[in-house]
Amino acid sequence: MHGNNKRVSAASSGAKRCRSLVVPFLLAAVVGCQEYDWRSDYARAEQEAREQDKYLFVFYKWWLDSDSNHMLNEELSDPAVKTLFQDTINLLLDKDYGPQYVEYVGKYGVTSYPASIIVAPDGSFKVQAGRTPKERFIEWAKQAKPPRPERPGKQPEPPPRAP
């Protein structure tokens, strides 16, 4: 009887050790990118982007992939990159979320991670696959998401009043 208790205790201890290693790793994977206001529901994110006439930025990763984590914590966390996605609906998807997510990014031709997808309001899209150096990523994002002209009927903001 005592032998079984020791095995259960050792297994429980091993599980606790594993959780204590994995949980901080998972938290570190998204801490650098909090400013993105990430969504994880692709149907809702697409709907928001359509309703608000905004670009959709999708970052597809796998939490155990070093290139995915480097992109998330280095390139995407850089202030010059973050500013490019302040006016978009941002979607963070992990391969382990389920097969429907693999299928979802597959509609954009994505078969590996990390991958970045920018979907324009008109449905056209651009994909950048693999870990991409910051400068090249910024160039790609600017080409995929060019500045949009003012929409007809939209009134410009009035200048601030002088005191």
N, C-alpha and C. Protein backbone atom coordinates (compact mmCIF):
# COMPACT_ATOMS: atom_id res chain seq x y z
N MET A 1 0.81 -1.19 0.00
CA MET A 1 0.00 0.00 0.00
C MET A 1 0.86 1.25 0.00
N HIS A 2 1.90 1.28 0.83
CA HIS A 2 2.75 2.46 0.90
C HIS A 2 3.48 2.68 -0.43
N GLY A 3 3.84 1.61 -1.13
CA GLY A 3 4.56 1.74 -2.42
C GLY A 3 3.72 2.48 -3.45
N ASN A 4 2.42 2.19 -3.52
CA ASN A 4 1.54 2.88 -4.47
C ASN A 4 1.42 4.36 -4.14
N ASN A 5 1.32 4.67 -2.87
CA ASN A 5 1.21 6.07 -2.47
C ASN A 5 2.44 6.86 -2.88
N LYS A 6 3.61 6.24 -2.77
CA LYS A 6 4.84 6.92 -3.16
C LYS A 6 4.85 7.18 -4.66
N ARG A 7 4.36 6.21 -5.45
CA ARG A 7 4.32 6.41 -6.90
C ARG A 7 3.35 7.53 -7.27
N VAL A 8 2.19 7.55 -6.66
CA VAL A 8 1.22 8.61 -6.92
C VAL A 8 1.81 9.95 -6.53
N SER A 9 2.45 9.97 -5.37
CA SER A 9 3.06 11.21 -4.90
C SER A 9 4.16 11.67 -5.85
N ALA A 10 4.98 10.74 -6.34
CA ALA A 10 6.05 11.09 -7.27
C ALA A 10 5.47 11.58 -8.59
N ALA A 11 4.39 10.92 -9.06
CA ALA A 11 3.76 11.35 -10.31
C ALA A 11 3.15 12.74 -10.15
N SER A 12 2.50 12.95 -9.02
CA SER A 12 1.90 14.25 -8.74
C SER A 12 2.98 15.32 -8.66
N SER A 13 4.09 14.99 -8.03
CA SER A 13 5.21 15.93 -7.92
C SER A 13 5.76 16.26 -9.31
N GLY A 14 5.87 15.24 -10.16
CA GLY A 14 6.36 15.46 -11.53
C GLY A 14 5.43 16.35 -12.32
N ALA A 15 4.12 16.16 -12.15
CA ALA A 15 3.14 17.00 -12.86
C ALA A 15 3.25 18.44 -12.39
N LYS A 16 3.42 18.63 -11.07
CA LYS A 16 3.56 19.99 -10.55
C LYS A 16 4.81 20.65 -11.10
N ARG A 17 5.91 19.89 -11.17
CA ARG A 17 7.16 20.42 -11.72
C ARG A 17 6.96 20.84 -13.17
N CYS A 18 6.28 19.99 -13.93
CA CYS A 18 6.03 20.29 -15.35
C CYS A 18 5.20 21.55 -15.48
N ARG A 19 4.11 21.68 -14.69
CA ARG A 19 3.27 22.88 -14.74
C ARG A 19 4.08 24.12 -14.36
N SER A 20 4.95 23.98 -13.39
CA SER A 20 5.72 25.14 -12.96
C SER A 20 6.70 25.58 -14.03
N LEU A 21 7.06 24.70 -14.95
CA LEU A 21 7.93 25.07 -16.06
C LEU A 21 7.14 25.60 -17.25
N VAL A 22 6.00 24.99 -17.53
CA VAL A 22 5.22 25.35 -18.71
C VAL A 22 4.45 26.65 -18.54
N VAL A 23 3.81 26.86 -17.40
CA VAL A 23 2.98 28.05 -17.20
C VAL A 23 3.77 29.35 -17.39
N PRO A 24 4.96 29.50 -16.76
CA PRO A 24 5.71 30.74 -17.02
C PRO A 24 6.10 30.89 -18.48
N PHE A 25 6.40 29.77 -19.16
CA PHE A 25 6.76 29.83 -20.57
C PHE A 25 5.58 30.34 -21.40
N LEU A 26 4.39 29.84 -21.11
CA LEU A 26 3.20 30.29 -21.85
C LEU A 26 2.91 31.76 -21.59
N LEU A 27 3.04 32.18 -20.34
CA LEU A 27 2.82 33.59 -20.01
C LEU A 27 3.83 34.48 -20.72
N ALA A 28 5.08 34.06 -20.76
CA ALA A 28 6.12 34.85 -21.41
C ALA A 28 5.85 34.97 -22.90
N ALA A 29 5.16 33.99 -23.47
CA ALA A 29 4.92 33.99 -24.91
C ALA A 29 3.97 35.10 -25.34
N VAL A 30 3.14 35.63 -24.44
CA VAL A 30 2.22 36.69 -24.84
C VAL A 30 2.43 38.01 -24.12
N VAL A 31 3.29 38.04 -23.12
CA VAL A 31 3.49 39.26 -22.35
C VAL A 31 3.99 40.40 -23.23
N GLY A 32 4.89 40.12 -24.17
CA GLY A 32 5.47 41.17 -24.99
C GLY A 32 4.50 41.76 -25.99
N CYS A 33 3.36 41.14 -26.17
CA CYS A 33 2.45 41.58 -27.22
C CYS A 33 1.07 41.94 -26.70
N GLN A 34 0.96 42.39 -25.47
CA GLN A 34 -0.33 42.72 -24.89
C GLN A 34 -1.00 43.88 -25.62
N GLU A 35 -0.24 44.78 -26.20
CA GLU A 35 -0.82 45.95 -26.85
C GLU A 35 -1.64 45.59 -28.10
N TYR A 36 -1.53 44.37 -28.56
CA TYR A 36 -2.25 43.97 -29.77
C TYR A 36 -3.72 43.69 -29.52
N ASP A 37 -4.16 43.54 -28.28
CA ASP A 37 -5.54 43.19 -27.97
C ASP A 37 -5.94 41.97 -28.80
N TRP A 38 -5.19 40.90 -28.64
CA TRP A 38 -5.37 39.68 -29.43
C TRP A 38 -6.76 39.07 -29.23
N ARG A 39 -7.33 38.63 -30.31
CA ARG A 39 -8.53 37.80 -30.28
C ARG A 39 -8.10 36.37 -30.56
N SER A 40 -8.93 35.40 -30.19
CA SER A 40 -8.62 34.00 -30.50
C SER A 40 -9.76 33.32 -31.24
N ASP A 41 -10.88 34.01 -31.40
CA ASP A 41 -12.04 33.47 -32.11
C ASP A 41 -12.02 34.06 -33.52
N TYR A 42 -11.64 33.24 -34.50
CA TYR A 42 -11.47 33.78 -35.86
C TYR A 42 -12.78 34.24 -36.49
N ALA A 43 -13.89 33.57 -36.21
CA ALA A 43 -15.17 34.00 -36.79
C ALA A 43 -15.55 35.38 -36.28
N ARG A 44 -15.40 35.57 -34.98
CA ARG A 44 -15.73 36.86 -34.37
C ARG A 44 -14.78 37.96 -34.85
N ALA A 45 -13.50 37.63 -34.96
CA ALA A 45 -12.50 38.61 -35.41
C ALA A 45 -12.79 39.04 -36.85
N GLU A 46 -13.11 38.08 -37.71
CA GLU A 46 -13.46 38.42 -39.10
C GLU A 46 -14.69 39.32 -39.13
N GLN A 47 -15.68 38.99 -38.34
CA GLN A 47 -16.91 39.79 -38.30
C GLN A 47 -16.61 41.21 -37.84
N GLU A 48 -15.80 41.35 -36.77
CA GLU A 48 -15.42 42.68 -36.28
C GLU A 48 -14.71 43.48 -37.37
N ALA A 49 -13.77 42.85 -38.04
CA ALA A 49 -13.01 43.53 -39.09
C ALA A 49 -13.96 44.01 -40.20
N ARG A 50 -14.89 43.15 -40.60
CA ARG A 50 -15.87 43.54 -41.65
C ARG A 50 -16.74 44.70 -41.18
N GLU A 51 -17.30 44.56 -39.99
CA GLU A 51 -18.20 45.60 -39.48
C GLU A 51 -17.51 46.94 -39.30
N GLN A 52 -16.23 46.91 -38.92
CA GLN A 52 -15.50 48.15 -38.67
C GLN A 52 -14.66 48.59 -39.87
N ASP A 53 -14.76 47.82 -40.98
CA ASP A 53 -14.02 48.14 -42.20
C ASP A 53 -12.52 48.28 -41.89
N LYS A 54 -11.98 47.28 -41.18
CA LYS A 54 -10.57 47.30 -40.79
C LYS A 54 -9.84 46.09 -41.36
N TYR A 55 -8.53 46.22 -41.40
CA TYR A 55 -7.68 45.08 -41.74
C TYR A 55 -7.70 44.08 -40.60
N LEU A 56 -7.50 42.81 -40.96
CA LEU A 56 -7.38 41.73 -39.98
C LEU A 56 -5.94 41.24 -40.03
N PHE A 57 -5.26 41.23 -38.89
CA PHE A 57 -3.90 40.70 -38.80
C PHE A 57 -3.97 39.38 -38.04
N VAL A 58 -3.49 38.31 -38.68
CA VAL A 58 -3.50 36.99 -38.07
C VAL A 58 -2.05 36.56 -37.86
N PHE A 59 -1.72 36.18 -36.63
CA PHE A 59 -0.41 35.58 -36.37
C PHE A 59 -0.66 34.14 -35.95
N TYR A 60 -0.13 33.21 -36.76
CA TYR A 60 -0.32 31.78 -36.53
C TYR A 60 1.00 31.21 -36.03
N LYS A 61 0.92 30.46 -34.92
CA LYS A 61 2.13 29.97 -34.27
C LYS A 61 1.89 28.60 -33.67
N TRP A 62 2.95 28.06 -33.10
CA TRP A 62 2.85 26.88 -32.27
C TRP A 62 3.64 27.18 -31.02
N TRP A 63 3.06 27.01 -29.86
CA TRP A 63 3.67 27.43 -28.61
C TRP A 63 5.00 26.75 -28.31
N LEU A 64 5.29 25.60 -28.92
CA LEU A 64 6.57 24.93 -28.70
C LEU A 64 7.62 25.27 -29.77
N ASP A 65 7.25 26.05 -30.75
CA ASP A 65 8.16 26.38 -31.85
C ASP A 65 8.99 27.61 -31.50
N SER A 66 10.31 27.47 -31.54
CA SER A 66 11.18 28.58 -31.16
C SER A 66 11.04 29.77 -32.11
N ASP A 67 10.87 29.53 -33.42
CA ASP A 67 10.71 30.65 -34.35
C ASP A 67 9.41 31.41 -34.07
N SER A 68 8.35 30.69 -33.74
CA SER A 68 7.07 31.34 -33.39
C SER A 68 7.25 32.23 -32.17
N ASN A 69 7.91 31.71 -31.16
CA ASN A 69 8.09 32.47 -29.92
C ASN A 69 9.03 33.66 -30.12
N HIS A 70 10.05 33.49 -30.95
CA HIS A 70 10.94 34.62 -31.25
C HIS A 70 10.18 35.71 -31.98
N MET A 71 9.37 35.34 -32.96
CA MET A 71 8.58 36.35 -33.69
C MET A 71 7.66 37.10 -32.73
N LEU A 72 6.99 36.36 -31.88
CA LEU A 72 6.03 36.96 -30.95
C LEU A 72 6.72 37.87 -29.93
N ASN A 73 7.83 37.41 -29.39
CA ASN A 73 8.49 38.14 -28.30
C ASN A 73 9.56 39.12 -28.75
N GLU A 74 9.97 39.05 -29.99
CA GLU A 74 10.99 39.97 -30.47
C GLU A 74 10.44 40.88 -31.58
N GLU A 75 10.24 40.34 -32.75
CA GLU A 75 9.80 41.17 -33.89
C GLU A 75 8.46 41.84 -33.62
N LEU A 76 7.45 41.07 -33.20
CA LEU A 76 6.13 41.66 -32.99
C LEU A 76 6.06 42.55 -31.76
N SER A 77 7.02 42.39 -30.85
CA SER A 77 7.04 43.22 -29.65
C SER A 77 7.79 44.53 -29.85
N ASP A 78 8.43 44.69 -30.98
CA ASP A 78 9.18 45.92 -31.25
C ASP A 78 8.20 47.08 -31.46
N PRO A 79 8.46 48.24 -30.84
CA PRO A 79 7.54 49.39 -30.97
C PRO A 79 7.27 49.80 -32.42
N ALA A 80 8.26 49.69 -33.29
CA ALA A 80 8.05 50.06 -34.70
C ALA A 80 7.06 49.12 -35.39
N VAL A 81 7.03 47.87 -34.97
CA VAL A 81 6.09 46.89 -35.54
C VAL A 81 4.72 47.07 -34.90
N LYS A 82 4.67 47.24 -33.59
CA LYS A 82 3.40 47.40 -32.88
C LYS A 82 2.56 48.53 -33.46
N THR A 83 3.21 49.64 -33.82
CA THR A 83 2.44 50.79 -34.32
C THR A 83 1.73 50.46 -35.63
N LEU A 84 2.23 49.49 -36.38
CA LEU A 84 1.59 49.12 -37.65
C LEU A 84 0.26 48.41 -37.44
N PHE A 85 0.03 47.89 -36.24
CA PHE A 85 -1.16 47.07 -36.00
C PHE A 85 -2.08 47.64 -34.93
N GLN A 86 -1.96 48.93 -34.65
CA GLN A 86 -2.83 49.57 -33.67
C GLN A 86 -4.23 49.82 -34.22
N ASP A 87 -4.37 49.85 -35.53
CA ASP A 87 -5.67 50.12 -36.14
C ASP A 87 -6.26 48.89 -36.83
N THR A 88 -5.80 47.70 -36.44
CA THR A 88 -6.28 46.47 -37.05
C THR A 88 -6.98 45.61 -35.99
N ILE A 89 -7.72 44.63 -36.46
CA ILE A 89 -8.25 43.59 -35.58
C ILE A 89 -7.19 42.49 -35.60
N ASN A 90 -6.68 42.12 -34.43
CA ASN A 90 -5.55 41.21 -34.33
C ASN A 90 -5.98 39.86 -33.77
N LEU A 91 -5.56 38.82 -34.46
CA LEU A 91 -5.97 37.45 -34.16
C LEU A 91 -4.73 36.59 -33.93
N LEU A 92 -4.63 35.99 -32.76
CA LEU A 92 -3.50 35.13 -32.41
C LEU A 92 -4.01 33.70 -32.36
N LEU A 93 -3.46 32.85 -33.23
CA LEU A 93 -3.90 31.45 -33.31
C LEU A 93 -2.72 30.52 -33.08
N ASP A 94 -2.94 29.48 -32.33
CA ASP A 94 -1.92 28.46 -32.11
C ASP A 94 -2.39 27.16 -32.74
N LYS A 95 -1.46 26.46 -33.33
CA LYS A 95 -1.77 25.18 -33.99
C LYS A 95 -2.47 24.23 -33.02
N ASP A 96 -2.13 24.29 -31.74
CA ASP A 96 -2.72 23.38 -30.76
C ASP A 96 -4.13 23.78 -30.32
N TYR A 97 -4.66 24.90 -30.80
CA TYR A 97 -6.03 25.28 -30.45
C TYR A 97 -7.02 24.27 -31.01
N GLY A 98 -6.64 23.55 -32.07
CA GLY A 98 -7.51 22.53 -32.64
C GLY A 98 -7.41 22.50 -34.15
N PRO A 99 -7.90 21.43 -34.76
CA PRO A 99 -7.79 21.27 -36.22
C PRO A 99 -8.53 22.35 -37.01
N GLN A 100 -9.58 22.94 -36.42
CA GLN A 100 -10.31 23.98 -37.13
C GLN A 100 -9.43 25.21 -37.39
N TYR A 101 -8.44 25.44 -36.50
CA TYR A 101 -7.55 26.59 -36.68
C TYR A 101 -6.54 26.32 -37.79
N VAL A 102 -6.08 25.08 -37.89
CA VAL A 102 -5.18 24.68 -38.97
C VAL A 102 -5.93 24.83 -40.30
N GLU A 103 -7.18 24.41 -40.30
CA GLU A 103 -8.01 24.54 -41.50
C GLU A 103 -8.26 26.01 -41.84
N TYR A 104 -8.49 26.83 -40.83
CA TYR A 104 -8.74 28.26 -41.05
C TYR A 104 -7.56 28.93 -41.74
N VAL A 105 -6.34 28.75 -41.22
CA VAL A 105 -5.19 29.39 -41.86
C VAL A 105 -4.89 28.75 -43.21
N GLY A 106 -5.32 27.51 -43.39
CA GLY A 106 -5.13 26.83 -44.67
C GLY A 106 -5.86 27.52 -45.81
N LYS A 107 -6.96 28.21 -45.50
CA LYS A 107 -7.68 28.92 -46.56
C LYS A 107 -6.86 30.07 -47.14
N TYR A 108 -5.81 30.47 -46.41
CA TYR A 108 -4.89 31.50 -46.89
C TYR A 108 -3.61 30.88 -47.46
N GLY A 109 -3.60 29.55 -47.57
CA GLY A 109 -2.44 28.86 -48.12
C GLY A 109 -1.35 28.60 -47.09
N VAL A 110 -1.64 28.84 -45.82
CA VAL A 110 -0.65 28.65 -44.76
C VAL A 110 -0.63 27.18 -44.34
N THR A 111 0.57 26.61 -44.35
CA THR A 111 0.72 25.21 -43.95
C THR A 111 1.76 25.03 -42.85
N SER A 112 2.42 26.11 -42.45
CA SER A 112 3.44 26.00 -41.41
C SER A 112 3.42 27.25 -40.53
N TYR A 113 4.17 27.22 -39.49
CA TYR A 113 4.24 28.32 -38.53
C TYR A 113 5.70 28.68 -38.32
N PRO A 114 5.96 29.87 -37.90
CA PRO A 114 5.03 30.98 -37.74
C PRO A 114 4.62 31.53 -39.10
N ALA A 115 3.45 32.13 -39.13
CA ALA A 115 2.97 32.78 -40.35
C ALA A 115 2.16 34.00 -39.96
N SER A 116 2.30 35.05 -40.74
CA SER A 116 1.54 36.28 -40.55
C SER A 116 0.67 36.49 -41.77
N ILE A 117 -0.57 36.88 -41.53
CA ILE A 117 -1.53 37.10 -42.61
C ILE A 117 -2.18 38.45 -42.37
N ILE A 118 -2.22 39.26 -43.41
CA ILE A 118 -2.96 40.52 -43.34
C ILE A 118 -4.08 40.42 -44.36
N VAL A 119 -5.32 40.54 -43.88
CA VAL A 119 -6.50 40.46 -44.73
C VAL A 119 -7.10 41.86 -44.83
N ALA A 120 -7.22 42.35 -46.05
CA ALA A 120 -7.80 43.68 -46.30
C ALA A 120 -9.32 43.61 -46.16
N PRO A 121 -9.95 44.76 -45.94
CA PRO A 121 -11.42 44.78 -45.85
C PRO A 121 -12.11 44.20 -47.09
N ASP A 122 -11.46 44.28 -48.24
CA ASP A 122 -12.07 43.73 -49.46
C ASP A 122 -11.85 42.22 -49.60
N GLY A 123 -11.16 41.59 -48.63
CA GLY A 123 -10.94 40.14 -48.66
C GLY A 123 -9.61 39.72 -49.25
N SER A 124 -8.91 40.63 -49.93
CA SER A 124 -7.59 40.27 -50.44
C SER A 124 -6.64 40.09 -49.26
N PHE A 125 -5.58 39.33 -49.45
CA PHE A 125 -4.68 39.06 -48.33
C PHE A 125 -3.25 38.86 -48.80
N LYS A 126 -2.34 39.02 -47.85
CA LYS A 126 -0.91 38.76 -48.07
C LYS A 126 -0.43 37.91 -46.91
N VAL A 127 0.48 36.98 -47.22
CA VAL A 127 1.02 36.06 -46.23
C VAL A 127 2.53 36.21 -46.15
N GLN A 128 3.05 36.17 -44.95
CA GLN A 128 4.50 36.14 -44.72
C GLN A 128 4.76 34.91 -43.86
N ALA A 129 5.43 33.92 -44.42
CA ALA A 129 5.68 32.67 -43.69
C ALA A 129 7.09 32.64 -43.13
N GLY A 130 7.23 32.02 -41.98
CA GLY A 130 8.53 31.84 -41.35
C GLY A 130 8.93 33.04 -40.50
N ARG A 131 9.99 32.85 -39.76
CA ARG A 131 10.51 33.94 -38.94
C ARG A 131 11.12 34.97 -39.87
N THR A 132 10.73 36.21 -39.68
CA THR A 132 11.14 37.29 -40.58
C THR A 132 11.84 38.37 -39.77
N PRO A 133 13.03 38.80 -40.21
CA PRO A 133 13.70 39.91 -39.50
C PRO A 133 12.80 41.15 -39.47
N LYS A 134 12.94 41.92 -38.41
CA LYS A 134 12.07 43.08 -38.16
C LYS A 134 11.95 44.00 -39.38
N GLU A 135 13.06 44.40 -39.97
CA GLU A 135 13.02 45.36 -41.08
C GLU A 135 12.23 44.80 -42.26
N ARG A 136 12.46 43.51 -42.57
CA ARG A 136 11.74 42.90 -43.68
C ARG A 136 10.26 42.73 -43.34
N PHE A 137 9.95 42.44 -42.08
CA PHE A 137 8.56 42.29 -41.65
C PHE A 137 7.83 43.63 -41.78
N ILE A 138 8.47 44.71 -41.36
CA ILE A 138 7.86 46.04 -41.46
C ILE A 138 7.59 46.38 -42.93
N GLU A 139 8.55 46.10 -43.80
CA GLU A 139 8.37 46.36 -45.23
C GLU A 139 7.19 45.57 -45.78
N TRP A 140 7.10 44.29 -45.42
CA TRP A 140 5.99 43.44 -45.87
C TRP A 140 4.65 43.99 -45.36
N ALA A 141 4.60 44.34 -44.07
CA ALA A 141 3.35 44.83 -43.48
C ALA A 141 2.90 46.12 -44.15
N LYS A 142 3.82 47.02 -44.43
CA LYS A 142 3.44 48.28 -45.09
C LYS A 142 2.93 48.05 -46.50
N GLN A 143 3.49 47.06 -47.20
CA GLN A 143 2.98 46.74 -48.54
C GLN A 143 1.62 46.06 -48.47
N ALA A 144 1.44 45.21 -47.48
CA ALA A 144 0.18 44.48 -47.33
C ALA A 144 -0.94 45.35 -46.81
N LYS A 145 -0.57 46.42 -46.10
CA LYS A 145 -1.56 47.28 -45.45
C LYS A 145 -1.21 48.74 -45.75
N PRO A 146 -1.37 49.15 -47.01
CA PRO A 146 -1.03 50.53 -47.35
C PRO A 146 -1.99 51.52 -46.69
N PRO A 147 -1.55 52.76 -46.51
CA PRO A 147 -2.46 53.76 -45.93
C PRO A 147 -3.72 53.86 -46.78
N ARG A 148 -4.83 53.96 -46.12
CA ARG A 148 -6.11 54.02 -46.84
C ARG A 148 -6.54 55.46 -47.00
N PRO A 149 -7.09 55.79 -48.18
CA PRO A 149 -7.61 57.16 -48.37
C PRO A 149 -8.82 57.37 -47.48
N GLU A 150 -9.08 58.61 -47.17
CA GLU A 150 -10.27 58.94 -46.38
C GLU A 150 -11.50 58.44 -47.12
N ARG A 151 -12.43 57.90 -46.37
CA ARG A 151 -13.67 57.41 -46.97
C ARG A 151 -14.57 58.59 -47.32
N PRO A 152 -15.27 58.52 -48.46
CA PRO A 152 -16.19 59.60 -48.81
C PRO A 152 -17.25 59.77 -47.73
N GLY A 153 -17.57 61.01 -47.46
CA GLY A 153 -18.61 61.31 -46.48
C GLY A 153 -18.09 61.40 -45.07
N LYS A 154 -16.86 61.00 -44.85
CA LYS A 154 -16.30 61.09 -43.51
C LYS A 154 -15.75 62.50 -43.32
N GLN A 155 -16.20 63.14 -42.28
CA GLN A 155 -15.77 64.50 -42.00
C GLN A 155 -14.43 64.49 -41.27
N PRO A 156 -13.50 65.35 -41.68
CA PRO A 156 -12.23 65.42 -40.96
C PRO A 156 -12.44 65.96 -39.55
N GLU A 157 -11.56 65.58 -38.65
CA GLU A 157 -11.60 66.06 -37.27
C GLU A 157 -11.34 67.57 -37.25
N PRO A 158 -12.11 68.32 -36.49
CA PRO A 158 -11.84 69.76 -36.39
C PRO A 158 -10.55 70.00 -35.62
N PRO A 159 -9.81 71.05 -35.96
CA PRO A 159 -8.57 71.32 -35.22
C PRO A 159 -8.90 71.71 -33.78
N PRO A 160 -7.98 71.42 -32.85
CA PRO A 160 -8.25 71.78 -31.45
C PRO A 160 -8.30 73.29 -31.28
N ARG A 161 -9.13 73.71 -30.38
CA ARG A 161 -9.29 75.15 -30.13
C ARG A 161 -8.12 75.66 -29.28
N ALA A 162 -7.69 76.85 -29.60
CA ALA A 162 -6.62 77.48 -28.81
C ALA A 162 -7.24 78.03 -27.52
N PRO A 163 -6.49 77.90 -26.41
CA PRO A 163 -7.05 78.39 -25.13
C PRO A 163 -7.15 79.90 -25.06
